[in-house]
Amino acid sequence: MLPSLLPHLLRHLLRHLLRLAALFAVALWLPAHAGAQPAVLHLALARSPLSLPLRVAETEGYFAAEGLQVRVTECASGRRCLGLLLEGQADVATAADTAIMFASFDSRELALLATVAHTRDDAKLIARRSAGIRQPRDLPGRKVGVLRGTSAHYFLDAYLLFHGIDPASVVSVPLQPEQTQAALQSGQVDAVAMWEPLAHKAALALGDDAITLKDEGGVYVETFNLVAHRRMAGPRDAELVALLRALARAQALIRREPQKAQALMGRWLDLSPAFVSAIWPGLRYGLTLDQGVVRTMESEARWALREGHVKAAVVPNMLSLLHPGPLQAVQPDAVGLAH
């Protein structure tokens, strides 16, 4: 009986040690910084509804309340936010799982702190009716804009395969996020796979010519995550704990006052109240760090290898990307990892 309990006891002990280590770091950090100007924490924030908890924490003053001075740089995509992180221009960033997966092939400098949101309804295909597109089976042979290395890229292939369509049967046209709307309107492409709010704004620009093809089959559950540079892990864990405490407060406000949170999202991203209300049920906010995000990135990595999107021979160890100590100190029950 005792041998069978040993793995459970070791996992339990490890969790407590991680939490104690993070709390000890906070205890050392607070006296040293009491009354002093806090160091600036540079945050690269993707302009996405999924980044809302970070925006709430900034707007409501939760970062400052936790003793943090946070400087925010907004990015058009999580991939670009990670670029700033790896270039040394940011300490923490928000990004979808796919962008983190792609970055992990080239860098070991990422430390995934927490998932802040989940959704099945972020990525979509916006197509032109005038191009003869009404349903998925109309896509083969069409020019489809691809935001390479992003969640929309992975969604496109998964969506096509779900509907029995070979991804190679569409004509891929590489685009940047800022180019999507003009590419559709000019006829450079017949459709684009993109995320919100780009998809909504592209559909508005097309008007009656727009058709939205959504993930009705649940082929992709996207996670949106908070990532730190590996240099932060350990030496600046106290600041990461404070950052996550501020996010926990923001998540509580979103649950407690959804109308206030929706209004903030609308003002920030220039979205109508009607659209925010429409997408709100598909957004799941909350701090977690578990095997789900690991499995998702492993699956995406196998896809990236199989389709030749990366130059590598093996899938990186996705579990090694995770840095659970800070979240363990804030919300121990939110961490669910196999060891």
Protein backbone atom coordinates (compact mmCIF):
# COMPACT_ATOMS: atom_id res chain seq x y z
CA MET A 1 0.00 0.00 0.00
CA LEU A 2 2.75 2.44 0.99
CA PRO A 3 4.64 2.23 -2.35
CA SER A 4 1.42 3.04 -4.21
CA LEU A 5 0.98 6.20 -2.14
CA LEU A 6 4.53 7.42 -2.70
CA PRO A 7 3.95 9.18 -6.09
CA HIS A 8 0.94 11.02 -4.65
CA LEU A 9 2.90 12.09 -1.57
CA LEU A 10 5.82 13.29 -3.70
CA ARG A 11 3.50 15.36 -5.93
CA HIS A 12 1.86 16.84 -2.83
CA LEU A 13 5.25 17.68 -1.34
CA LEU A 14 6.46 19.25 -4.60
CA ARG A 15 3.42 21.51 -4.79
CA HIS A 16 3.97 22.72 -1.24
CA LEU A 17 7.67 23.32 -1.88
CA LEU A 18 6.89 25.38 -4.98
CA ARG A 19 4.37 27.45 -3.09
CA LEU A 20 6.74 27.98 -0.14
CA ALA A 21 9.56 28.99 -2.48
CA ALA A 22 7.38 31.61 -4.18
CA LEU A 23 6.09 32.93 -0.85
CA PHE A 24 9.64 33.10 0.50
CA ALA A 25 10.66 35.14 -2.55
CA VAL A 26 7.79 37.54 -1.85
CA ALA A 27 8.82 37.82 1.79
CA LEU A 28 12.36 38.77 0.76
CA TRP A 29 11.18 41.17 -1.94
CA LEU A 30 8.63 43.19 0.04
CA PRO A 31 10.92 44.61 2.76
CA ALA A 32 13.59 45.47 0.22
CA HIS A 33 11.06 47.35 -1.92
CA ALA A 34 8.96 48.92 0.83
CA GLY A 35 8.85 52.65 0.24
CA ALA A 36 11.02 52.31 -2.87
CA GLN A 37 10.04 52.94 -6.46
CA PRO A 38 9.24 49.50 -7.93
CA ALA A 39 11.15 48.28 -10.95
CA VAL A 40 9.29 48.66 -14.22
CA LEU A 41 7.71 45.46 -15.52
CA HIS A 42 7.34 45.62 -19.30
CA LEU A 43 4.18 43.90 -20.59
CA ALA A 44 3.59 43.13 -24.28
CA LEU A 45 -0.19 42.93 -24.57
CA ALA A 46 -1.94 41.42 -27.61
CA ARG A 47 -4.98 43.42 -28.73
CA SER A 48 -7.46 40.61 -28.25
CA PRO A 49 -10.61 40.04 -26.19
CA LEU A 50 -8.64 37.20 -24.61
CA SER A 51 -6.19 39.71 -23.07
CA LEU A 52 -9.04 41.39 -21.19
CA PRO A 53 -7.91 40.36 -17.66
CA LEU A 54 -4.59 42.19 -18.17
CA ARG A 55 -6.40 45.27 -19.42
CA VAL A 56 -8.81 45.16 -16.47
CA ALA A 57 -5.91 44.88 -14.02
CA GLU A 58 -4.22 47.91 -15.58
CA THR A 59 -7.38 50.03 -15.79
CA GLU A 60 -8.58 49.21 -12.28
CA GLY A 61 -5.19 49.92 -10.71
CA TYR A 62 -4.61 46.35 -9.54
CA PHE A 63 -0.99 46.32 -10.71
CA ALA A 64 -0.20 49.44 -8.71
CA ALA A 65 -2.07 48.04 -5.70
CA GLU A 66 0.27 45.04 -5.77
CA GLY A 67 3.32 47.30 -5.79
CA LEU A 68 4.04 46.93 -9.50
CA GLN A 69 4.88 49.57 -12.07
CA VAL A 70 3.74 48.02 -15.35
CA ARG A 71 4.52 49.58 -18.72
CA VAL A 72 2.28 48.23 -21.48
CA THR A 73 3.11 47.89 -25.18
CA GLU A 74 0.21 46.70 -27.32
CA CYS A 75 0.78 44.28 -30.23
CA ALA A 76 -1.35 43.21 -33.19
CA SER A 77 -0.75 39.54 -32.35
CA GLY A 78 0.58 37.27 -29.64
CA ARG A 79 3.35 36.24 -32.01
CA ARG A 80 4.60 39.83 -32.13
CA CYS A 81 4.33 40.11 -28.35
CA LEU A 82 6.56 37.05 -28.01
CA GLY A 83 8.96 38.67 -30.46
CA LEU A 84 9.28 41.67 -28.16
CA LEU A 85 9.82 39.32 -25.24
CA LEU A 86 12.61 37.40 -26.95
CA GLU A 87 14.22 40.61 -28.20
CA GLY A 88 14.50 41.85 -24.61
CA GLN A 89 11.92 44.62 -25.06
CA ALA A 90 9.36 42.99 -22.73
CA ASP A 91 9.45 40.96 -19.52
CA VAL A 92 6.04 39.31 -19.89
CA ALA A 93 3.64 38.87 -22.80
CA THR A 94 0.25 37.46 -23.74
CA ALA A 95 0.03 34.92 -26.56
CA ALA A 96 -2.03 31.99 -27.81
CA ASP A 97 -0.71 28.45 -27.50
CA THR A 98 0.19 28.21 -31.20
CA ALA A 99 2.51 31.22 -31.10
CA ILE A 100 4.21 29.82 -27.99
CA MET A 101 4.59 26.43 -29.68
CA PHE A 102 6.27 27.94 -32.75
CA ALA A 103 8.60 30.04 -30.59
CA SER A 104 9.59 26.98 -28.55
CA PHE A 105 11.29 25.42 -31.57
CA ASP A 106 13.77 28.30 -31.74
CA SER A 107 14.10 29.41 -28.13
CA ARG A 108 14.33 27.99 -24.61
CA GLU A 109 13.79 31.43 -23.08
CA LEU A 110 10.03 31.21 -22.48
CA ALA A 111 8.43 30.55 -19.09
CA LEU A 112 4.68 29.94 -19.30
CA LEU A 113 3.13 31.28 -16.08
CA ALA A 114 -0.61 30.76 -16.55
CA THR A 115 -3.45 30.38 -19.00
CA VAL A 116 -5.74 33.41 -18.62
CA ALA A 117 -8.53 32.45 -21.03
CA HIS A 118 -9.97 29.63 -23.16
CA THR A 119 -12.25 29.83 -26.19
CA ARG A 120 -13.61 27.80 -29.11
CA ASP A 121 -14.87 30.92 -30.87
CA ASP A 122 -11.90 33.22 -31.52
CA ALA A 123 -10.54 32.07 -34.89
CA LYS A 124 -12.81 32.30 -37.94
CA LEU A 125 -12.74 32.31 -41.72
CA ILE A 126 -14.09 35.50 -43.28
CA ALA A 127 -14.83 34.97 -46.98
CA ARG A 128 -16.27 36.93 -49.90
CA ARG A 129 -19.62 35.78 -51.25
CA SER A 130 -18.65 37.38 -54.56
CA ALA A 131 -15.84 34.79 -54.77
CA GLY A 132 -18.45 32.05 -54.77
CA ILE A 133 -17.90 30.92 -51.19
CA ARG A 134 -20.93 29.87 -49.18
CA GLN A 135 -19.69 26.83 -47.26
CA PRO A 136 -16.45 24.92 -46.52
CA ARG A 137 -16.59 22.78 -49.67
CA ASP A 138 -16.26 25.97 -51.77
CA LEU A 139 -12.75 26.67 -50.42
CA PRO A 140 -10.55 24.35 -52.59
CA GLY A 141 -8.86 26.36 -55.32
CA ARG A 142 -9.57 29.67 -53.55
CA LYS A 143 -6.95 32.14 -52.37
CA VAL A 144 -6.92 32.07 -48.58
CA GLY A 145 -4.95 34.54 -46.50
CA VAL A 146 -2.77 32.88 -43.85
CA LEU A 147 -1.31 34.57 -40.76
CA ARG A 148 1.62 32.20 -40.46
CA GLY A 149 2.80 31.07 -37.06
CA THR A 150 -0.41 32.08 -35.31
CA SER A 151 -3.51 30.44 -33.85
CA ALA A 152 -5.38 31.34 -37.05
CA HIS A 153 -2.84 29.36 -39.08
CA TYR A 154 -3.41 26.22 -37.00
CA PHE A 155 -7.18 26.78 -36.99
CA LEU A 156 -7.28 26.99 -40.79
CA ASP A 157 -5.63 23.60 -41.30
CA ALA A 158 -7.71 21.98 -38.53
CA TYR A 159 -10.91 23.45 -39.97
CA LEU A 160 -10.15 22.25 -43.49
CA LEU A 161 -9.24 18.74 -42.34
CA PHE A 162 -12.39 18.54 -40.19
CA HIS A 163 -14.42 19.19 -43.33
CA GLY A 164 -12.48 16.64 -45.38
CA ILE A 165 -10.50 19.24 -47.34
CA ASP A 166 -6.79 18.86 -48.03
CA PRO A 167 -5.10 22.09 -46.83
CA ALA A 168 -2.87 21.89 -49.90
CA SER A 169 -5.97 22.34 -52.10
CA VAL A 170 -6.31 26.00 -51.13
CA VAL A 171 -3.94 28.68 -52.42
CA SER A 172 -2.20 30.06 -49.33
CA VAL A 173 -1.39 33.77 -49.38
CA PRO A 174 0.83 34.92 -46.48
CA LEU A 175 -0.49 38.08 -44.81
CA GLN A 176 0.24 40.27 -41.82
CA PRO A 177 -2.65 41.12 -39.45
CA GLU A 178 -2.83 44.73 -40.73
CA GLN A 179 -3.21 43.52 -44.32
CA THR A 180 -6.23 41.25 -43.87
CA GLN A 181 -9.04 43.74 -44.36
CA ALA A 182 -7.56 45.41 -47.44
CA ALA A 183 -6.64 42.03 -48.97
CA LEU A 184 -10.25 40.90 -48.75
CA GLN A 185 -11.73 44.16 -50.02
CA SER A 186 -9.35 44.38 -52.98
CA GLY A 187 -9.89 40.76 -54.03
CA GLN A 188 -6.26 39.84 -53.39
CA VAL A 189 -7.68 36.90 -51.42
CA ASP A 190 -11.05 35.18 -51.35
CA ALA A 191 -10.97 34.41 -47.63
CA VAL A 192 -8.79 34.93 -44.57
CA ALA A 193 -8.48 32.87 -41.39
CA MET A 194 -8.13 35.34 -38.52
CA TRP A 195 -9.02 36.02 -34.90
CA GLU A 196 -11.14 38.59 -33.14
CA PRO A 197 -11.47 41.52 -33.38
CA LEU A 198 -9.81 41.38 -36.83
CA ALA A 199 -12.48 38.97 -38.11
CA HIS A 200 -15.37 41.17 -36.98
CA LYS A 201 -13.85 44.32 -38.45
CA ALA A 202 -13.09 42.60 -41.76
CA ALA A 203 -16.67 41.34 -41.97
CA LEU A 204 -18.00 44.85 -41.26
CA ALA A 205 -15.81 46.30 -43.99
CA LEU A 206 -17.12 43.76 -46.53
CA GLY A 207 -20.73 44.35 -45.55
CA ASP A 208 -23.22 42.11 -47.38
CA ASP A 209 -20.37 40.45 -49.30
CA ALA A 210 -19.02 38.87 -46.11
CA ILE A 211 -19.68 35.32 -44.97
CA THR A 212 -18.30 33.95 -41.71
CA LEU A 213 -17.28 30.31 -41.49
CA LYS A 214 -16.95 29.33 -37.82
CA ASP A 215 -15.61 26.36 -35.90
CA GLU A 216 -18.91 24.57 -35.45
CA GLY A 217 -17.23 21.24 -34.71
CA GLY A 218 -15.03 22.33 -31.83
CA VAL A 219 -11.85 21.45 -33.72
CA TYR A 220 -9.69 23.92 -31.78
CA VAL A 221 -9.89 25.03 -28.16
CA GLU A 222 -7.56 28.01 -28.01
CA THR A 223 -5.76 28.97 -24.82
CA PHE A 224 -4.46 32.48 -24.19
CA ASN A 225 -1.50 32.64 -21.89
CA LEU A 226 0.79 34.80 -19.83
CA VAL A 227 4.45 34.15 -20.62
CA ALA A 228 7.59 35.55 -18.98
CA HIS A 229 11.15 35.63 -20.23
CA ARG A 230 13.11 32.80 -18.62
CA ARG A 231 15.45 35.35 -17.00
CA MET A 232 12.48 36.36 -14.80
CA ALA A 233 11.88 32.83 -13.50
CA GLY A 234 13.35 32.59 -10.03
CA PRO A 235 15.15 35.95 -9.62
CA ARG A 236 11.93 37.96 -10.10
CA ASP A 237 9.33 35.44 -8.97
CA ALA A 238 8.04 37.87 -6.34
CA GLU A 239 7.02 40.30 -9.09
CA LEU A 240 5.42 37.48 -11.05
CA VAL A 241 3.44 36.48 -7.96
CA ALA A 242 2.28 40.08 -7.56
CA LEU A 243 1.35 40.20 -11.25
CA LEU A 244 -0.75 37.04 -10.92
CA ARG A 245 -2.42 38.37 -7.76
CA ALA A 246 -3.46 41.43 -9.73
CA LEU A 247 -4.81 39.16 -12.48
CA ALA A 248 -6.74 37.09 -9.93
CA ARG A 249 -8.43 40.31 -8.82
CA ALA A 250 -9.19 41.19 -12.45
CA GLN A 251 -10.67 37.72 -13.08
CA ALA A 252 -12.89 38.19 -10.01
CA LEU A 253 -14.14 41.54 -11.34
CA ILE A 254 -14.93 39.98 -14.73
CA ARG A 255 -17.04 37.31 -13.00
CA ARG A 256 -18.64 39.74 -10.56
CA GLU A 257 -19.33 42.64 -12.94
CA PRO A 258 -19.52 41.26 -16.48
CA GLN A 259 -21.25 44.35 -17.85
CA LYS A 260 -18.45 46.59 -16.61
CA ALA A 261 -15.86 44.23 -18.11
CA GLN A 262 -17.71 44.12 -21.43
CA ALA A 263 -17.91 47.91 -21.58
CA LEU A 264 -14.16 48.13 -20.95
CA MET A 265 -13.48 45.62 -23.74
CA GLY A 266 -15.64 47.59 -26.15
CA ARG A 267 -13.88 50.89 -25.42
CA TRP A 268 -10.42 49.32 -25.60
CA LEU A 269 -10.88 47.41 -28.87
CA ASP A 270 -13.44 49.77 -30.47
CA LEU A 271 -16.16 47.12 -30.56
CA SER A 272 -19.90 47.66 -30.44
CA PRO A 273 -21.82 46.56 -27.32
CA ALA A 274 -23.86 44.19 -29.52
CA PHE A 275 -20.74 42.43 -30.80
CA VAL A 276 -19.17 42.17 -27.36
CA SER A 277 -22.39 40.64 -26.03
CA ALA A 278 -22.41 38.17 -28.93
CA ILE A 279 -18.90 36.83 -28.32
CA TRP A 280 -18.99 37.01 -24.51
CA PRO A 281 -20.57 33.57 -23.90
CA GLY A 282 -17.72 31.90 -25.81
CA LEU A 283 -14.98 33.46 -23.65
CA ARG A 284 -13.82 31.59 -20.55
CA TYR A 285 -11.65 33.67 -18.24
CA GLY A 286 -9.75 32.20 -15.31
CA LEU A 287 -6.23 31.40 -14.17
CA THR A 288 -5.08 27.82 -14.78
CA LEU A 289 -1.91 25.90 -15.56
CA ASP A 290 -2.51 22.27 -16.41
CA GLN A 291 -1.85 19.39 -18.78
CA GLY A 292 -4.42 20.72 -21.24
CA VAL A 293 -2.17 23.49 -22.52
CA VAL A 294 0.75 21.04 -22.72
CA ARG A 295 -1.25 18.55 -24.79
CA THR A 296 -2.51 21.30 -27.08
CA MET A 297 1.00 22.57 -27.82
CA GLU A 298 2.31 19.03 -28.32
CA SER A 299 -0.44 18.35 -30.86
CA GLU A 300 0.28 21.62 -32.64
CA ALA A 301 4.01 20.86 -32.68
CA ARG A 302 3.40 17.51 -34.36
CA TRP A 303 1.29 19.32 -36.96
CA ALA A 304 4.01 21.92 -37.52
CA LEU A 305 6.61 19.17 -38.04
CA ARG A 306 4.36 17.09 -40.29
CA GLU A 307 3.44 20.03 -42.52
CA GLY A 308 6.99 21.36 -42.73
CA HIS A 309 6.23 24.66 -40.98
CA VAL A 310 9.35 24.31 -38.80
CA LYS A 311 12.87 23.05 -39.46
CA ALA A 312 13.32 20.53 -36.67
CA ALA A 313 13.40 16.79 -36.08
CA VAL A 314 11.60 16.41 -32.74
CA VAL A 315 8.87 18.04 -30.69
CA PRO A 316 10.28 20.25 -27.90
CA ASN A 317 9.57 19.31 -24.29
CA MET A 318 6.50 21.49 -23.77
CA LEU A 319 6.28 20.66 -20.06
CA SER A 320 9.67 22.30 -19.55
CA LEU A 321 8.20 25.63 -20.71
CA LEU A 322 5.94 25.84 -17.66
CA HIS A 323 6.94 27.81 -14.56
CA PRO A 324 4.24 26.93 -12.02
CA GLY A 325 5.73 28.37 -8.81
CA PRO A 326 4.19 31.87 -8.97
CA LEU A 327 0.66 30.63 -9.75
CA GLN A 328 1.08 27.92 -7.10
CA ALA A 329 1.65 30.70 -4.56
CA VAL A 330 -1.45 32.62 -5.67
CA GLN A 331 -3.99 29.90 -6.52
CA PRO A 332 -2.63 26.43 -5.68
CA ASP A 333 -5.77 24.67 -6.91
CA ALA A 334 -5.33 26.27 -10.36
CA VAL A 335 -2.18 24.22 -11.01
CA GLY A 336 -2.78 20.68 -12.21
CA LEU A 337 0.33 19.12 -13.69
CA ALA A 338 1.57 15.53 -13.92
CA HIS A 339 5.11 14.99 -12.63
